[in-house]
Amino acid sequence: MFLARVTGHVVATQKDKAHSGQKLLVVEPLNVKYDDANHPASLGNTGRPIVAIDCGGAGERQVVLVVQASSARMTEVTKNMPADAAIIGIVDSATYAGKTFHQARG
């Protein structure tokens, strides 16, 4: 399970019937970046975007919780579906080592 930012979407007119009606989003996994004193400073991109099935109604630029492999096929939306990554939550806030890295607006 990891944090990622939604960076785009995928439109596929030809796909497996099980994926019909499913929203596919491009997500960029995030990691903690450290400052010169080796303190957590910010969340940064990994440079390795993936496509995930959206199980929670996520939108562009939101920070989300993503699962991969067999865990991606354990949701109500993705059971019995070929899936390698699924968005299972929208992150309200993320804190690590006493520092808040993300706080949802609104």
C-alpha atoms as a PDB file:
ATOM      1  CA  MET A   1       0.000   0.000   0.000  1.00  0.00           C
ATOM      2  CA  PHE A   2       1.380   3.418  -0.879  1.00  0.00           C
ATOM      3  CA  LEU A   3       0.504   7.061  -1.410  1.00  0.00           C
ATOM      4  CA  ALA A   4       0.219   8.450  -4.927  1.00  0.00           C
ATOM      5  CA  ARG A   5      -1.014  11.574  -6.695  1.00  0.00           C
ATOM      6  CA  VAL A   6      -3.539  11.319  -9.528  1.00  0.00           C
ATOM      7  CA  THR A   7      -1.853  12.831 -12.585  1.00  0.00           C
ATOM      8  CA  GLY A   8      -4.127  11.803 -15.442  1.00  0.00           C
ATOM      9  CA  HIS A   9      -6.676   9.387 -16.814  1.00  0.00           C
ATOM     10  CA  VAL A  10      -6.824   6.648 -19.427  1.00  0.00           C
ATOM     11  CA  VAL A  11      -9.485   6.180 -22.098  1.00  0.00           C
ATOM     12  CA  ALA A  12      -9.625   2.700 -23.610  1.00  0.00           C
ATOM     13  CA  THR A  13     -12.363   1.892 -26.105  1.00  0.00           C
ATOM     14  CA  GLN A  14     -11.229  -1.729 -26.423  1.00  0.00           C
ATOM     15  CA  LYS A  15     -10.725  -3.568 -23.132  1.00  0.00           C
ATOM     16  CA  ASP A  16     -11.730  -6.662 -21.187  1.00  0.00           C
ATOM     17  CA  LYS A  17     -15.493  -6.790 -20.515  1.00  0.00           C
ATOM     18  CA  ALA A  18     -14.809  -6.835 -16.776  1.00  0.00           C
ATOM     19  CA  HIS A  19     -13.314  -3.331 -17.072  1.00  0.00           C
ATOM     20  CA  SER A  20     -16.409  -1.912 -18.765  1.00  0.00           C
ATOM     21  CA  GLY A  21     -17.571   1.188 -16.908  1.00  0.00           C
ATOM     22  CA  GLN A  22     -14.452   1.357 -14.725  1.00  0.00           C
ATOM     23  CA  LYS A  23     -12.484   4.593 -14.394  1.00  0.00           C
ATOM     24  CA  LEU A  24      -8.753   4.156 -15.045  1.00  0.00           C
ATOM     25  CA  LEU A  25      -6.433   6.797 -13.600  1.00  0.00           C
ATOM     26  CA  VAL A  26      -2.723   7.460 -13.969  1.00  0.00           C
ATOM     27  CA  VAL A  27      -1.127   7.787 -10.539  1.00  0.00           C
ATOM     28  CA  GLU A  28       2.381   8.858  -9.588  1.00  0.00           C
ATOM     29  CA  PRO A  29       3.656   7.026  -6.481  1.00  0.00           C
ATOM     30  CA  LEU A  30       5.047   9.402  -3.839  1.00  0.00           C
ATOM     31  CA  ASN A  31       7.954   9.084  -1.446  1.00  0.00           C
ATOM     32  CA  VAL A  32       9.374  11.174   1.367  1.00  0.00           C
ATOM     33  CA  LYS A  33      12.173  13.527   0.332  1.00  0.00           C
ATOM     34  CA  TYR A  34      14.758  14.479   2.962  1.00  0.00           C
ATOM     35  CA  ASP A  35      16.603  17.770   3.501  1.00  0.00           C
ATOM     36  CA  ASP A  36      20.380  18.160   3.953  1.00  0.00           C
ATOM     37  CA  ALA A  37      20.085  17.371   7.680  1.00  0.00           C
ATOM     38  CA  ASN A  38      18.309  14.089   6.814  1.00  0.00           C
ATOM     39  CA  HIS A  39      14.955  15.327   8.129  1.00  0.00           C
ATOM     40  CA  PRO A  40      11.749  14.577   6.201  1.00  0.00           C
ATOM     41  CA  ALA A  41      11.062  17.651   4.067  1.00  0.00           C
ATOM     42  CA  SER A  42       8.363  16.942   1.466  1.00  0.00           C
ATOM     43  CA  LEU A  43       6.541  14.371  -0.627  1.00  0.00           C
ATOM     44  CA  GLY A  44       8.117  13.846  -4.032  1.00  0.00           C
ATOM     45  CA  ASN A  45       7.361  11.933  -7.208  1.00  0.00           C
ATOM     46  CA  THR A  46       9.110   8.663  -7.945  1.00  0.00           C
ATOM     47  CA  GLY A  47       9.005   9.145 -11.715  1.00  0.00           C
ATOM     48  CA  ARG A  48       7.232   5.803 -12.208  1.00  0.00           C
ATOM     49  CA  PRO A  49       3.566   6.421 -13.041  1.00  0.00           C
ATOM     50  CA  ILE A  50       1.145   3.495 -13.125  1.00  0.00           C
ATOM     51  CA  VAL A  51      -2.478   2.967 -14.159  1.00  0.00           C
ATOM     52  CA  ALA A  52      -4.934   2.049 -11.396  1.00  0.00           C
ATOM     53  CA  ILE A  53      -8.639   1.253 -11.282  1.00  0.00           C
ATOM     54  CA  ASP A  54     -10.469   3.906  -9.264  1.00  0.00           C
ATOM     55  CA  CYS A  55     -12.574   2.347  -6.497  1.00  0.00           C
ATOM     56  CA  GLY A  56     -13.209   5.546  -4.563  1.00  0.00           C
ATOM     57  CA  GLY A  57     -14.135   8.390  -6.910  1.00  0.00           C
ATOM     58  CA  ALA A  58     -10.733  10.090  -6.990  1.00  0.00           C
ATOM     59  CA  GLY A  59      -9.988  13.106  -9.136  1.00  0.00           C
ATOM     60  CA  GLU A  60      -7.087  14.887 -10.779  1.00  0.00           C
ATOM     61  CA  ARG A  61      -4.277  16.009  -8.413  1.00  0.00           C
ATOM     62  CA  GLN A  62      -5.725  14.249  -5.350  1.00  0.00           C
ATOM     63  CA  VAL A  63      -3.470  12.212  -3.089  1.00  0.00           C
ATOM     64  CA  VAL A  64      -4.753   8.637  -2.928  1.00  0.00           C
ATOM     65  CA  LEU A  65      -4.038   5.299  -1.292  1.00  0.00           C
ATOM     66  CA  VAL A  66      -3.108   2.570  -3.792  1.00  0.00           C
ATOM     67  CA  VAL A  67      -2.717  -1.197  -3.472  1.00  0.00           C
ATOM     68  CA  GLN A  68      -1.123  -3.539  -5.982  1.00  0.00           C
ATOM     69  CA  ALA A  69      -0.950  -7.229  -6.901  1.00  0.00           C
ATOM     70  CA  SER A  70      -3.449  -9.593  -5.251  1.00  0.00           C
ATOM     71  CA  SER A  71      -4.619  -6.838  -2.863  1.00  0.00           C
ATOM     72  CA  ALA A  72      -5.884  -4.891  -5.882  1.00  0.00           C
ATOM     73  CA  ARG A  73      -8.377  -7.680  -6.582  1.00  0.00           C
ATOM     74  CA  MET A  74      -9.884  -7.720  -3.075  1.00  0.00           C
ATOM     75  CA  THR A  75     -12.279  -4.765  -3.368  1.00  0.00           C
ATOM     76  CA  GLU A  76     -15.978  -4.961  -4.202  1.00  0.00           C
ATOM     77  CA  VAL A  77     -15.236  -3.166  -7.485  1.00  0.00           C
ATOM     78  CA  THR A  78     -12.270  -5.299  -8.575  1.00  0.00           C
ATOM     79  CA  LYS A  79     -13.076  -8.828  -7.402  1.00  0.00           C
ATOM     80  CA  ASN A  80     -12.993 -11.272 -10.311  1.00  0.00           C
ATOM     81  CA  MET A  81     -11.353  -8.584 -12.477  1.00  0.00           C
ATOM     82  CA  PRO A  82      -7.876  -8.532 -14.012  1.00  0.00           C
ATOM     83  CA  ALA A  83      -6.278  -5.732 -12.004  1.00  0.00           C
ATOM     84  CA  ASP A  84      -2.775  -5.011 -10.792  1.00  0.00           C
ATOM     85  CA  ALA A  85      -3.401  -1.656  -9.061  1.00  0.00           C
ATOM     86  CA  ALA A  86      -6.449  -0.125  -7.389  1.00  0.00           C
ATOM     87  CA  ILE A  87      -7.146   3.203  -5.715  1.00  0.00           C
ATOM     88  CA  ILE A  88      -8.826   2.287  -2.429  1.00  0.00           C
ATOM     89  CA  GLY A  89      -8.966   5.664  -0.696  1.00  0.00           C
ATOM     90  CA  ILE A  90      -8.618   9.426  -0.961  1.00  0.00           C
ATOM     91  CA  VAL A  91      -6.136  10.839   1.563  1.00  0.00           C
ATOM     92  CA  ASP A  92      -7.323  13.651   3.848  1.00  0.00           C
ATOM     93  CA  SER A  93      -3.948  14.137   5.532  1.00  0.00           C
ATOM     94  CA  ALA A  94      -0.568  12.422   5.697  1.00  0.00           C
ATOM     95  CA  THR A  95       1.866  12.899   8.586  1.00  0.00           C
ATOM     96  CA  TYR A  96       5.282  11.271   8.979  1.00  0.00           C
ATOM     97  CA  ALA A  97       7.855  11.836  11.735  1.00  0.00           C
ATOM     98  CA  GLY A  98       5.698  14.602  13.192  1.00  0.00           C
ATOM     99  CA  LYS A  99       5.487  16.546   9.938  1.00  0.00           C
ATOM    100  CA  THR A 100       2.296  16.923   7.930  1.00  0.00           C
ATOM    101  CA  PHE A 101       3.085  16.408   4.246  1.00  0.00           C
ATOM    102  CA  HIS A 102      -0.406  16.611   2.850  1.00  0.00           C
ATOM    103  CA  GLN A 103      -3.612  18.258   4.015  1.00  0.00           C
ATOM    104  CA  ALA A 104      -6.654  18.042   1.741  1.00  0.00           C
ATOM    105  CA  ARG A 105      -8.357  21.330   0.946  1.00  0.00           C
ATOM    106  CA  GLY A 106     -12.006  21.836   1.603  1.00  0.00           C
END
